[in-house]
Amino acid sequence: MYWTRAKWILIILFLGINIFLLTYMFFAVQEQVTVSNATIENTLDILKKN
């Protein structure tokens, strides 16, 4: 039987899926962290008034 070959194929497949998901999560988190300039300016205006 080809169990060792099937195991290697599955390991490589799951490693590829994990790498894809990690890069997807990394870029998704980076997009959520950014704050627009308008939000920063509005926050600074509010803080200056107080």
PDB file of N, CA and C in Angstrom:
ATOM      1  N   MET A   1       0.834  -1.190   0.000  1.00  0.00           N
ATOM      2  CA  MET A   1       0.000   0.000   0.000  1.00  0.00           C
ATOM      3  C   MET A   1       0.878   1.252   0.000  1.00  0.00           C
ATOM      4  N   TYR A   2       0.252   2.339  -0.321  1.00  0.00           N
ATOM      5  CA  TYR A   2       0.959   3.612  -0.437  1.00  0.00           C
ATOM      6  C   TYR A   2       0.663   4.528   0.749  1.00  0.00           C
ATOM      7  N   TRP A   3       0.662   3.962   1.950  1.00  0.00           N
ATOM      8  CA  TRP A   3       0.303   4.767   3.127  1.00  0.00           C
ATOM      9  C   TRP A   3       1.337   5.852   3.409  1.00  0.00           C
ATOM     10  N   THR A   4       2.601   5.539   3.260  1.00  0.00           N
ATOM     11  CA  THR A   4       3.615   6.559   3.546  1.00  0.00           C
ATOM     12  C   THR A   4       3.521   7.714   2.551  1.00  0.00           C
ATOM     13  N   ARG A   5       3.274   7.388   1.296  1.00  0.00           N
ATOM     14  CA  ARG A   5       3.129   8.454   0.295  1.00  0.00           C
ATOM     15  C   ARG A   5       1.869   9.275   0.559  1.00  0.00           C
ATOM     16  N   ALA A   6       0.787   8.617   0.925  1.00  0.00           N
ATOM     17  CA  ALA A   6      -0.459   9.330   1.226  1.00  0.00           C
ATOM     18  C   ALA A   6      -0.282  10.233   2.441  1.00  0.00           C
ATOM     19  N   LYS A   7       0.453   9.753   3.447  1.00  0.00           N
ATOM     20  CA  LYS A   7       0.701  10.578   4.634  1.00  0.00           C
ATOM     21  C   LYS A   7       1.507  11.818   4.276  1.00  0.00           C
ATOM     22  N   TRP A   8       2.536  11.674   3.451  1.00  0.00           N
ATOM     23  CA  TRP A   8       3.352  12.823   3.053  1.00  0.00           C
ATOM     24  C   TRP A   8       2.539  13.827   2.254  1.00  0.00           C
ATOM     25  N   ILE A   9       1.679  13.331   1.382  1.00  0.00           N
ATOM     26  CA  ILE A   9       0.834  14.234   0.595  1.00  0.00           C
ATOM     27  C   ILE A   9      -0.106  15.006   1.507  1.00  0.00           C
ATOM     28  N   LEU A  10      -0.703  14.325   2.485  1.00  0.00           N
ATOM     29  CA  LEU A  10      -1.601  15.005   3.419  1.00  0.00           C
ATOM     30  C   LEU A  10      -0.850  16.016   4.285  1.00  0.00           C
ATOM     31  N   ILE A  11       0.345  15.662   4.734  1.00  0.00           N
ATOM     32  CA  ILE A  11       1.142  16.590   5.547  1.00  0.00           C
ATOM     33  C   ILE A  11       1.468  17.842   4.744  1.00  0.00           C
ATOM     34  N   ILE A  12       1.906  17.669   3.511  1.00  0.00           N
ATOM     35  CA  ILE A  12       2.239  18.818   2.665  1.00  0.00           C
ATOM     36  C   ILE A  12       0.988  19.647   2.372  1.00  0.00           C
ATOM     37  N   LEU A  13      -0.125  18.985   2.121  1.00  0.00           N
ATOM     38  CA  LEU A  13      -1.379  19.688   1.863  1.00  0.00           C
ATOM     39  C   LEU A  13      -1.796  20.533   3.063  1.00  0.00           C
ATOM     40  N   PHE A  14      -1.750  19.940   4.265  1.00  0.00           N
ATOM     41  CA  PHE A  14      -2.148  20.681   5.465  1.00  0.00           C
ATOM     42  C   PHE A  14      -1.162  21.795   5.795  1.00  0.00           C
ATOM     43  N   LEU A  15       0.118  21.591   5.545  1.00  0.00           N
ATOM     44  CA  LEU A  15       1.088  22.670   5.744  1.00  0.00           C
ATOM     45  C   LEU A  15       0.803  23.834   4.794  1.00  0.00           C
ATOM     46  N   GLY A  16       0.480  23.522   3.561  1.00  0.00           N
ATOM     47  CA  GLY A  16       0.139  24.571   2.603  1.00  0.00           C
ATOM     48  C   GLY A  16      -1.106  25.339   3.019  1.00  0.00           C
ATOM     49  N   ILE A  17      -2.114  24.625   3.495  1.00  0.00           N
ATOM     50  CA  ILE A  17      -3.338  25.285   3.966  1.00  0.00           C
ATOM     51  C   ILE A  17      -3.036  26.166   5.169  1.00  0.00           C
ATOM     52  N   ASN A  18      -2.220  25.677   6.099  1.00  0.00           N
ATOM     53  CA  ASN A  18      -1.870  26.465   7.282  1.00  0.00           C
ATOM     54  C   ASN A  18      -1.104  27.724   6.911  1.00  0.00           C
ATOM     55  N   ILE A  19      -0.166  27.615   5.988  1.00  0.00           N
ATOM     56  CA  ILE A  19       0.593  28.795   5.563  1.00  0.00           C
ATOM     57  C   ILE A  19      -0.338  29.808   4.900  1.00  0.00           C
ATOM     58  N   PHE A  20      -1.249  29.331   4.072  1.00  0.00           N
ATOM     59  CA  PHE A  20      -2.210  30.227   3.432  1.00  0.00           C
ATOM     60  C   PHE A  20      -3.077  30.930   4.467  1.00  0.00           C
ATOM     61  N   LEU A  21      -3.596  30.192   5.436  1.00  0.00           N
ATOM     62  CA  LEU A  21      -4.461  30.791   6.450  1.00  0.00           C
ATOM     63  C   LEU A  21      -3.703  31.769   7.339  1.00  0.00           C
ATOM     64  N   LEU A  22      -2.455  31.466   7.675  1.00  0.00           N
ATOM     65  CA  LEU A  22      -1.660  32.386   8.491  1.00  0.00           C
ATOM     66  C   LEU A  22      -1.403  33.696   7.757  1.00  0.00           C
ATOM     67  N   THR A  23      -1.076  33.619   6.471  1.00  0.00           N
ATOM     68  CA  THR A  23      -0.851  34.859   5.725  1.00  0.00           C
ATOM     69  C   THR A  23      -2.151  35.639   5.574  1.00  0.00           C
ATOM     70  N   TYR A  24      -3.260  34.948   5.384  1.00  0.00           N
ATOM     71  CA  TYR A  24      -4.557  35.619   5.285  1.00  0.00           C
ATOM     72  C   TYR A  24      -4.892  36.335   6.590  1.00  0.00           C
ATOM     73  N   MET A  25      -4.684  35.668   7.715  1.00  0.00           N
ATOM     74  CA  MET A  25      -4.955  36.285   9.012  1.00  0.00           C
ATOM     75  C   MET A  25      -4.025  37.460   9.260  1.00  0.00           C
ATOM     76  N   PHE A  26      -2.762  37.348   8.891  1.00  0.00           N
ATOM     77  CA  PHE A  26      -1.796  38.426   9.093  1.00  0.00           C
ATOM     78  C   PHE A  26      -2.233  39.687   8.357  1.00  0.00           C
ATOM     79  N   PHE A  27      -2.626  39.551   7.093  1.00  0.00           N
ATOM     80  CA  PHE A  27      -3.036  40.721   6.328  1.00  0.00           C
ATOM     81  C   PHE A  27      -4.399  41.236   6.770  1.00  0.00           C
ATOM     82  N   ALA A  28      -5.287  40.365   7.236  1.00  0.00           N
ATOM     83  CA  ALA A  28      -6.591  40.808   7.730  1.00  0.00           C
ATOM     84  C   ALA A  28      -6.427  41.618   9.006  1.00  0.00           C
ATOM     85  N   VAL A  29      -5.516  41.219   9.886  1.00  0.00           N
ATOM     86  CA  VAL A  29      -5.283  41.950  11.130  1.00  0.00           C
ATOM     87  C   VAL A  29      -4.640  43.296  10.830  1.00  0.00           C
ATOM     88  N   GLN A  30      -3.741  43.355   9.872  1.00  0.00           N
ATOM     89  CA  GLN A  30      -3.098  44.620   9.520  1.00  0.00           C
ATOM     90  C   GLN A  30      -4.115  45.634   9.008  1.00  0.00           C
ATOM     91  N   GLU A  31      -5.101  45.189   8.256  1.00  0.00           N
ATOM     92  CA  GLU A  31      -6.114  46.100   7.734  1.00  0.00           C
ATOM     93  C   GLU A  31      -7.003  46.632   8.845  1.00  0.00           C
ATOM     94  N   GLN A  32      -7.264  45.849   9.868  1.00  0.00           N
ATOM     95  CA  GLN A  32      -8.126  46.272  10.960  1.00  0.00           C
ATOM     96  C   GLN A  32      -7.429  47.255  11.884  1.00  0.00           C
ATOM     97  N   VAL A  33      -6.121  47.232  11.952  1.00  0.00           N
ATOM     98  CA  VAL A  33      -5.378  48.056  12.890  1.00  0.00           C
ATOM     99  C   VAL A  33      -5.266  49.499  12.407  1.00  0.00           C
ATOM    100  N   THR A  34      -5.332  49.732  11.123  1.00  0.00           N
ATOM    101  CA  THR A  34      -5.140  51.076  10.597  1.00  0.00           C
ATOM    102  C   THR A  34      -6.296  51.989  10.990  1.00  0.00           C
ATOM    103  N   VAL A  35      -5.963  53.239  11.307  1.00  0.00           N
ATOM    104  CA  VAL A  35      -6.945  54.247  11.684  1.00  0.00           C
ATOM    105  C   VAL A  35      -6.855  55.374  10.663  1.00  0.00           C
ATOM    106  N   SER A  36      -8.002  55.839  10.217  1.00  0.00           N
ATOM    107  CA  SER A  36      -7.985  56.888   9.197  1.00  0.00           C
ATOM    108  C   SER A  36      -7.524  58.216   9.785  1.00  0.00           C
ATOM    109  N   ASN A  37      -7.025  59.078   8.918  1.00  0.00           N
ATOM    110  CA  ASN A  37      -6.551  60.393   9.348  1.00  0.00           C
ATOM    111  C   ASN A  37      -7.690  61.240   9.895  1.00  0.00           C
ATOM    112  N   ALA A  38      -8.884  61.095   9.329  1.00  0.00           N
ATOM    113  CA  ALA A  38     -10.035  61.860   9.809  1.00  0.00           C
ATOM    114  C   ALA A  38     -10.359  61.491  11.254  1.00  0.00           C
ATOM    115  N   THR A  39     -10.270  60.232  11.591  1.00  0.00           N
ATOM    116  CA  THR A  39     -10.532  59.798  12.963  1.00  0.00           C
ATOM    117  C   THR A  39      -9.500  60.378  13.917  1.00  0.00           C
ATOM    118  N   ILE A  40      -8.257  60.389  13.515  1.00  0.00           N
ATOM    119  CA  ILE A  40      -7.194  60.949  14.363  1.00  0.00           C
ATOM    120  C   ILE A  40      -7.408  62.445  14.559  1.00  0.00           C
ATOM    121  N   GLU A  41      -7.743  63.156  13.480  1.00  0.00           N
ATOM    122  CA  GLU A  41      -7.969  64.597  13.587  1.00  0.00           C
ATOM    123  C   GLU A  41      -9.173  64.906  14.463  1.00  0.00           C
ATOM    124  N   ASN A  42     -10.250  64.149  14.311  1.00  0.00           N
ATOM    125  CA  ASN A  42     -11.432  64.359  15.149  1.00  0.00           C
ATOM    126  C   ASN A  42     -11.118  64.099  16.612  1.00  0.00           C
ATOM    127  N   THR A  43     -10.356  63.082  16.890  1.00  0.00           N
ATOM    128  CA  THR A  43      -9.981  62.768  18.266  1.00  0.00           C
ATOM    129  C   THR A  43      -9.125  63.877  18.858  1.00  0.00           C
ATOM    130  N   LEU A  44      -8.174  64.380  18.086  1.00  0.00           N
ATOM    131  CA  LEU A  44      -7.329  65.473  18.570  1.00  0.00           C
ATOM    132  C   LEU A  44      -8.145  66.736  18.819  1.00  0.00           C
ATOM    133  N   ASP A  45      -9.110  67.037  17.952  1.00  0.00           N
ATOM    134  CA  ASP A  45      -9.970  68.204  18.161  1.00  0.00           C
ATOM    135  C   ASP A  45     -10.779  68.077  19.442  1.00  0.00           C
ATOM    136  N   ILE A  46     -11.326  66.907  19.683  1.00  0.00           N
ATOM    137  CA  ILE A  46     -12.110  66.682  20.902  1.00  0.00           C
ATOM    138  C   ILE A  46     -11.225  66.805  22.130  1.00  0.00           C
ATOM    139  N   LEU A  47     -10.025  66.256  22.075  1.00  0.00           N
ATOM    140  CA  LEU A  47      -9.120  66.337  23.223  1.00  0.00           C
ATOM    141  C   LEU A  47      -8.663  67.773  23.480  1.00  0.00           C
ATOM    142  N   LYS A  48      -8.477  68.559  22.432  1.00  0.00           N
ATOM    143  CA  LYS A  48      -8.068  69.954  22.610  1.00  0.00           C
ATOM    144  C   LYS A  48      -9.175  70.782  23.244  1.00  0.00           C
ATOM    145  N   LYS A  49     -10.422  70.470  22.925  1.00  0.00           N
ATOM    146  CA  LYS A  49     -11.556  71.203  23.493  1.00  0.00           C
ATOM    147  C   LYS A  49     -11.716  70.913  24.982  1.00  0.00           C
ATOM    148  N   ASN A  50     -11.328  69.755  25.411  1.00  0.00           N
ATOM    149  CA  ASN A  50     -11.468  69.395  26.824  1.00  0.00           C
ATOM    150  C   ASN A  50     -10.208  69.763  27.494  1.00  0.00           C
TER     151      ASN A  50
END
